[in-house]
Amino acid sequence: MKFCSDCHAPPQPAVHQAKEWPNVLYRMQERRRMKAYELMSDEELAVLTDYLERHAKEGEQ
């Protein structure tokens, strides 16, 4: 979670449904770009997305 903690506490996966996480991570990556922070690699982004989706809030998928 080194990337998350640059700006805020690492999120709990259950704050979003699985279908929401890709858009949330896209927005966070864009914020990192705007602040000239190191971007997540495609591999890091894929691993993080998988983890967050697997542990996401249950509900309408």
PDB file of N, CA and C in Angstrom:
ATOM      1  N   MET A   1       0.813  -1.196   0.000  1.00  0.00           N
ATOM      2  CA  MET A   1       0.000   0.000   0.000  1.00  0.00           C
ATOM      3  C   MET A   1       0.859   1.264   0.000  1.00  0.00           C
ATOM      4  N   LYS A   2       2.072   1.123  -0.457  1.00  0.00           N
ATOM      5  CA  LYS A   2       2.965   2.281  -0.474  1.00  0.00           C
ATOM      6  C   LYS A   2       2.404   3.416  -1.309  1.00  0.00           C
ATOM      7  N   PHE A   3       1.654   3.108  -2.324  1.00  0.00           N
ATOM      8  CA  PHE A   3       1.108   4.159  -3.178  1.00  0.00           C
ATOM      9  C   PHE A   3      -0.045   4.881  -2.496  1.00  0.00           C
ATOM     10  N   CYS A   4      -0.927   4.134  -1.861  1.00  0.00           N
ATOM     11  CA  CYS A   4      -2.094   4.733  -1.200  1.00  0.00           C
ATOM     12  C   CYS A   4      -1.665   5.711  -0.114  1.00  0.00           C
ATOM     13  N   SER A   5      -0.697   5.299   0.665  1.00  0.00           N
ATOM     14  CA  SER A   5      -0.332   6.080   1.841  1.00  0.00           C
ATOM     15  C   SER A   5       0.427   7.369   1.512  1.00  0.00           C
ATOM     16  N   ASP A   6       0.720   7.605   0.248  1.00  0.00           N
ATOM     17  CA  ASP A   6       1.293   8.902  -0.121  1.00  0.00           C
ATOM     18  C   ASP A   6       0.295  10.025   0.144  1.00  0.00           C
ATOM     19  N   CYS A   7      -1.005   9.715   0.033  1.00  0.00           N
ATOM     20  CA  CYS A   7      -2.043  10.746   0.154  1.00  0.00           C
ATOM     21  C   CYS A   7      -3.050  10.491   1.276  1.00  0.00           C
ATOM     22  N   HIS A   8      -3.251   9.235   1.622  1.00  0.00           N
ATOM     23  CA  HIS A   8      -4.265   8.902   2.622  1.00  0.00           C
ATOM     24  C   HIS A   8      -3.989   7.513   3.176  1.00  0.00           C
ATOM     25  N   ALA A   9      -4.732   7.128   4.188  1.00  0.00           N
ATOM     26  CA  ALA A   9      -4.597   5.784   4.750  1.00  0.00           C
ATOM     27  C   ALA A   9      -5.052   4.757   3.713  1.00  0.00           C
ATOM     28  N   PRO A  10      -4.423   3.595   3.680  1.00  0.00           N
ATOM     29  CA  PRO A  10      -4.875   2.568   2.747  1.00  0.00           C
ATOM     30  C   PRO A  10      -6.358   2.250   2.977  1.00  0.00           C
ATOM     31  N   PRO A  11      -7.116   2.136   1.904  1.00  0.00           N
ATOM     32  CA  PRO A  11      -8.549   1.889   2.047  1.00  0.00           C
ATOM     33  C   PRO A  11      -8.857   0.445   2.431  1.00  0.00           C
ATOM     34  N   GLN A  12      -9.960   0.284   3.087  1.00  0.00           N
ATOM     35  CA  GLN A  12     -10.474  -1.060   3.349  1.00  0.00           C
ATOM     36  C   GLN A  12     -11.178  -1.517   2.076  1.00  0.00           C
ATOM     37  N   PRO A  13     -10.921  -2.720   1.606  1.00  0.00           N
ATOM     38  CA  PRO A  13     -11.533  -3.181   0.358  1.00  0.00           C
ATOM     39  C   PRO A  13     -13.060  -3.115   0.358  1.00  0.00           C
ATOM     40  N   ALA A  14     -13.668  -3.261   1.514  1.00  0.00           N
ATOM     41  CA  ALA A  14     -15.128  -3.311   1.588  1.00  0.00           C
ATOM     42  C   ALA A  14     -15.799  -1.935   1.521  1.00  0.00           C
ATOM     43  N   VAL A  15     -15.040  -0.868   1.293  1.00  0.00           N
ATOM     44  CA  VAL A  15     -15.687   0.441   1.156  1.00  0.00           C
ATOM     45  C   VAL A  15     -16.327   0.603  -0.217  1.00  0.00           C
ATOM     46  N   HIS A  16     -15.988  -0.278  -1.159  1.00  0.00           N
ATOM     47  CA  HIS A  16     -16.568  -0.245  -2.502  1.00  0.00           C
ATOM     48  C   HIS A  16     -16.939  -1.654  -2.929  1.00  0.00           C
ATOM     49  N   GLN A  17     -17.855  -1.741  -3.869  1.00  0.00           N
ATOM     50  CA  GLN A  17     -18.168  -3.013  -4.500  1.00  0.00           C
ATOM     51  C   GLN A  17     -17.084  -3.315  -5.524  1.00  0.00           C
ATOM     52  N   ALA A  18     -16.954  -4.585  -5.871  1.00  0.00           N
ATOM     53  CA  ALA A  18     -15.903  -4.999  -6.810  1.00  0.00           C
ATOM     54  C   ALA A  18     -15.964  -4.213  -8.111  1.00  0.00           C
ATOM     55  N   LYS A  19     -17.157  -3.975  -8.622  1.00  0.00           N
ATOM     56  CA  LYS A  19     -17.293  -3.281  -9.915  1.00  0.00           C
ATOM     57  C   LYS A  19     -16.835  -1.820  -9.838  1.00  0.00           C
ATOM     58  N   GLU A  20     -16.762  -1.261  -8.645  1.00  0.00           N
ATOM     59  CA  GLU A  20     -16.359   0.139  -8.478  1.00  0.00           C
ATOM     60  C   GLU A  20     -14.849   0.329  -8.418  1.00  0.00           C
ATOM     61  N   TRP A  21     -14.125  -0.690  -7.975  1.00  0.00           N
ATOM     62  CA  TRP A  21     -12.694  -0.525  -7.738  1.00  0.00           C
ATOM     63  C   TRP A  21     -11.884  -0.109  -8.966  1.00  0.00           C
ATOM     64  N   PRO A  22     -12.115  -0.656 -10.159  1.00  0.00           N
ATOM     65  CA  PRO A  22     -11.293  -0.214 -11.296  1.00  0.00           C
ATOM     66  C   PRO A  22     -11.371   1.297 -11.537  1.00  0.00           C
ATOM     67  N   ASN A  23     -12.556   1.885 -11.424  1.00  0.00           N
ATOM     68  CA  ASN A  23     -12.694   3.324 -11.621  1.00  0.00           C
ATOM     69  C   ASN A  23     -12.017   4.107 -10.492  1.00  0.00           C
ATOM     70  N   VAL A  24     -12.138   3.630  -9.268  1.00  0.00           N
ATOM     71  CA  VAL A  24     -11.479   4.298  -8.134  1.00  0.00           C
ATOM     72  C   VAL A  24      -9.960   4.295  -8.352  1.00  0.00           C
ATOM     73  N   LEU A  25      -9.418   3.162  -8.740  1.00  0.00           N
ATOM     74  CA  LEU A  25      -7.974   3.080  -8.953  1.00  0.00           C
ATOM     75  C   LEU A  25      -7.536   3.931 -10.139  1.00  0.00           C
ATOM     76  N   TYR A  26      -8.349   4.017 -11.167  1.00  0.00           N
ATOM     77  CA  TYR A  26      -8.036   4.898 -12.291  1.00  0.00           C
ATOM     78  C   TYR A  26      -7.930   6.345 -11.809  1.00  0.00           C
ATOM     79  N   ARG A  27      -8.907   6.776 -11.011  1.00  0.00           N
ATOM     80  CA  ARG A  27      -8.892   8.152 -10.492  1.00  0.00           C
ATOM     81  C   ARG A  27      -7.661   8.399  -9.625  1.00  0.00           C
ATOM     82  N   MET A  28      -7.306   7.433  -8.790  1.00  0.00           N
ATOM     83  CA  MET A  28      -6.141   7.599  -7.926  1.00  0.00           C
ATOM     84  C   MET A  28      -4.855   7.667  -8.758  1.00  0.00           C
ATOM     85  N   GLN A  29      -4.770   6.865  -9.798  1.00  0.00           N
ATOM     86  CA  GLN A  29      -3.593   6.895 -10.670  1.00  0.00           C
ATOM     87  C   GLN A  29      -3.493   8.263 -11.359  1.00  0.00           C
ATOM     88  N   GLU A  30      -4.621   8.820 -11.773  1.00  0.00           N
ATOM     89  CA  GLU A  30      -4.618  10.142 -12.402  1.00  0.00           C
ATOM     90  C   GLU A  30      -4.198  11.228 -11.404  1.00  0.00           C
ATOM     91  N   ARG A  31      -4.622  11.105 -10.170  1.00  0.00           N
ATOM     92  CA  ARG A  31      -4.183  12.069  -9.148  1.00  0.00           C
ATOM     93  C   ARG A  31      -2.687  11.974  -8.913  1.00  0.00           C
ATOM     94  N   ARG A  32      -2.170  10.753  -8.916  1.00  0.00           N
ATOM     95  CA  ARG A  32      -0.722  10.564  -8.756  1.00  0.00           C
ATOM     96  C   ARG A  32       0.004  11.244  -9.913  1.00  0.00           C
ATOM     97  N   ARG A  33      -0.536  11.088 -11.123  1.00  0.00           N
ATOM     98  CA  ARG A  33       0.074  11.705 -12.306  1.00  0.00           C
ATOM     99  C   ARG A  33       0.077  13.229 -12.167  1.00  0.00           C
ATOM    100  N   MET A  34      -1.047  13.803 -11.731  1.00  0.00           N
ATOM    101  CA  MET A  34      -1.154  15.258 -11.586  1.00  0.00           C
ATOM    102  C   MET A  34      -0.176  15.798 -10.546  1.00  0.00           C
ATOM    103  N   LYS A  35       0.105  15.007  -9.511  1.00  0.00           N
ATOM    104  CA  LYS A  35       1.025  15.443  -8.451  1.00  0.00           C
ATOM    105  C   LYS A  35       2.470  15.070  -8.752  1.00  0.00           C
ATOM    106  N   ALA A  36       2.695  14.466  -9.898  1.00  0.00           N
ATOM    107  CA  ALA A  36       4.028  14.013 -10.311  1.00  0.00           C
ATOM    108  C   ALA A  36       4.599  12.968  -9.360  1.00  0.00           C
ATOM    109  N   TYR A  37       3.713  12.152  -8.776  1.00  0.00           N
ATOM    110  CA  TYR A  37       4.149  11.034  -7.938  1.00  0.00           C
ATOM    111  C   TYR A  37       4.463   9.837  -8.831  1.00  0.00           C
ATOM    112  N   GLU A  38       5.216   8.918  -8.292  1.00  0.00           N
ATOM    113  CA  GLU A  38       5.495   7.678  -9.006  1.00  0.00           C
ATOM    114  C   GLU A  38       4.167   6.966  -9.300  1.00  0.00           C
ATOM    115  N   LEU A  39       4.002   6.517 -10.538  1.00  0.00           N
ATOM    116  CA  LEU A  39       2.786   5.799 -10.905  1.00  0.00           C
ATOM    117  C   LEU A  39       2.937   4.317 -10.622  1.00  0.00           C
ATOM    118  N   MET A  40       1.812   3.672 -10.388  1.00  0.00           N
ATOM    119  CA  MET A  40       1.803   2.220 -10.240  1.00  0.00           C
ATOM    120  C   MET A  40       2.066   1.604 -11.612  1.00  0.00           C
ATOM    121  N   SER A  41       2.871   0.573 -11.636  1.00  0.00           N
ATOM    122  CA  SER A  41       3.088  -0.139 -12.896  1.00  0.00           C
ATOM    123  C   SER A  41       1.806  -0.900 -13.247  1.00  0.00           C
ATOM    124  N   ASP A  42       1.703  -1.346 -14.480  1.00  0.00           N
ATOM    125  CA  ASP A  42       0.538  -2.134 -14.886  1.00  0.00           C
ATOM    126  C   ASP A  42       0.404  -3.379 -14.011  1.00  0.00           C
ATOM    127  N   GLU A  43       1.530  -4.004 -13.699  1.00  0.00           N
ATOM    128  CA  GLU A  43       1.503  -5.216 -12.868  1.00  0.00           C
ATOM    129  C   GLU A  43       1.032  -4.889 -11.449  1.00  0.00           C
ATOM    130  N   GLU A  44       1.551  -3.822 -10.865  1.00  0.00           N
ATOM    131  CA  GLU A  44       1.132  -3.429  -9.514  1.00  0.00           C
ATOM    132  C   GLU A  44      -0.356  -3.076  -9.494  1.00  0.00           C
ATOM    133  N   LEU A  45      -0.799  -2.378 -10.502  1.00  0.00           N
ATOM    134  CA  LEU A  45      -2.200  -2.000 -10.598  1.00  0.00           C
ATOM    135  C   LEU A  45      -3.088  -3.238 -10.731  1.00  0.00           C
ATOM    136  N   ALA A  46      -2.667  -4.213 -11.510  1.00  0.00           N
ATOM    137  CA  ALA A  46      -3.438  -5.452 -11.679  1.00  0.00           C
ATOM    138  C   ALA A  46      -3.525  -6.238 -10.371  1.00  0.00           C
ATOM    139  N   VAL A  47      -2.425  -6.328  -9.652  1.00  0.00           N
ATOM    140  CA  VAL A  47      -2.410  -7.050  -8.373  1.00  0.00           C
ATOM    141  C   VAL A  47      -3.316  -6.355  -7.363  1.00  0.00           C
ATOM    142  N   LEU A  48      -3.213  -5.037  -7.288  1.00  0.00           N
ATOM    143  CA  LEU A  48      -4.030  -4.272  -6.353  1.00  0.00           C
ATOM    144  C   LEU A  48      -5.513  -4.369  -6.707  1.00  0.00           C
ATOM    145  N   THR A  49      -5.829  -4.249  -7.985  1.00  0.00           N
ATOM    146  CA  THR A  49      -7.221  -4.366  -8.428  1.00  0.00           C
ATOM    147  C   THR A  49      -7.784  -5.729  -8.066  1.00  0.00           C
ATOM    148  N   ASP A  50      -7.022  -6.781  -8.334  1.00  0.00           N
ATOM    149  CA  ASP A  50      -7.471  -8.140  -8.011  1.00  0.00           C
ATOM    150  C   ASP A  50      -7.751  -8.287  -6.521  1.00  0.00           C
ATOM    151  N   TYR A  51      -6.828  -7.810  -5.699  1.00  0.00           N
ATOM    152  CA  TYR A  51      -7.006  -7.907  -4.250  1.00  0.00           C
ATOM    153  C   TYR A  51      -8.255  -7.155  -3.796  1.00  0.00           C
ATOM    154  N   LEU A  52      -8.402  -5.917  -4.237  1.00  0.00           N
ATOM    155  CA  LEU A  52      -9.538  -5.104  -3.804  1.00  0.00           C
ATOM    156  C   LEU A  52     -10.865  -5.687  -4.290  1.00  0.00           C
ATOM    157  N   GLU A  53     -10.893  -6.200  -5.498  1.00  0.00           N
ATOM    158  CA  GLU A  53     -12.126  -6.796  -6.015  1.00  0.00           C
ATOM    159  C   GLU A  53     -12.487  -8.075  -5.260  1.00  0.00           C
ATOM    160  N   ARG A  54     -11.493  -8.882  -4.922  1.00  0.00           N
ATOM    161  CA  ARG A  54     -11.767 -10.130  -4.192  1.00  0.00           C
ATOM    162  C   ARG A  54     -12.272  -9.882  -2.779  1.00  0.00           C
ATOM    163  N   HIS A  55     -11.903  -8.751  -2.189  1.00  0.00           N
ATOM    164  CA  HIS A  55     -12.290  -8.449  -0.812  1.00  0.00           C
ATOM    165  C   HIS A  55     -13.290  -7.298  -0.711  1.00  0.00           C
ATOM    166  N   ALA A  56     -13.921  -6.992  -1.819  1.00  0.00           N
ATOM    167  CA  ALA A  56     -14.833  -5.854  -1.891  1.00  0.00           C
ATOM    168  C   ALA A  56     -16.131  -6.107  -1.126  1.00  0.00           C
ATOM    169  N   LYS A  57     -16.861  -5.014  -0.951  1.00  0.00           N
ATOM    170  CA  LYS A  57     -18.172  -5.076  -0.312  1.00  0.00           C
ATOM    171  C   LYS A  57     -19.072  -5.951  -1.175  1.00  0.00           C
ATOM    172  N   GLU A  58     -19.800  -6.808  -0.507  1.00  0.00           N
ATOM    173  CA  GLU A  58     -20.752  -7.638  -1.243  1.00  0.00           C
ATOM    174  C   GLU A  58     -21.984  -6.827  -1.564  1.00  0.00           C
ATOM    175  N   GLY A  59     -22.610  -7.187  -2.622  1.00  0.00           N
ATOM    176  CA  GLY A  59     -23.819  -6.490  -3.053  1.00  0.00           C
ATOM    177  C   GLY A  59     -23.996  -6.685  -4.526  1.00  0.00           C
ATOM    178  N   GLU A  60     -24.702  -5.777  -5.119  1.00  0.00           N
ATOM    179  CA  GLU A  60     -24.971  -5.860  -6.550  1.00  0.00           C
ATOM    180  C   GLU A  60     -23.663  -5.837  -7.310  1.00  0.00           C
ATOM    181  N   GLN A  61     -23.399  -6.870  -8.060  1.00  0.00           N
ATOM    182  CA  GLN A  61     -22.171  -6.976  -8.842  1.00  0.00           C
ATOM    183  C   GLN A  61     -22.471  -6.638 -10.227  1.00  0.00           C
TER     184      GLN A  61
END
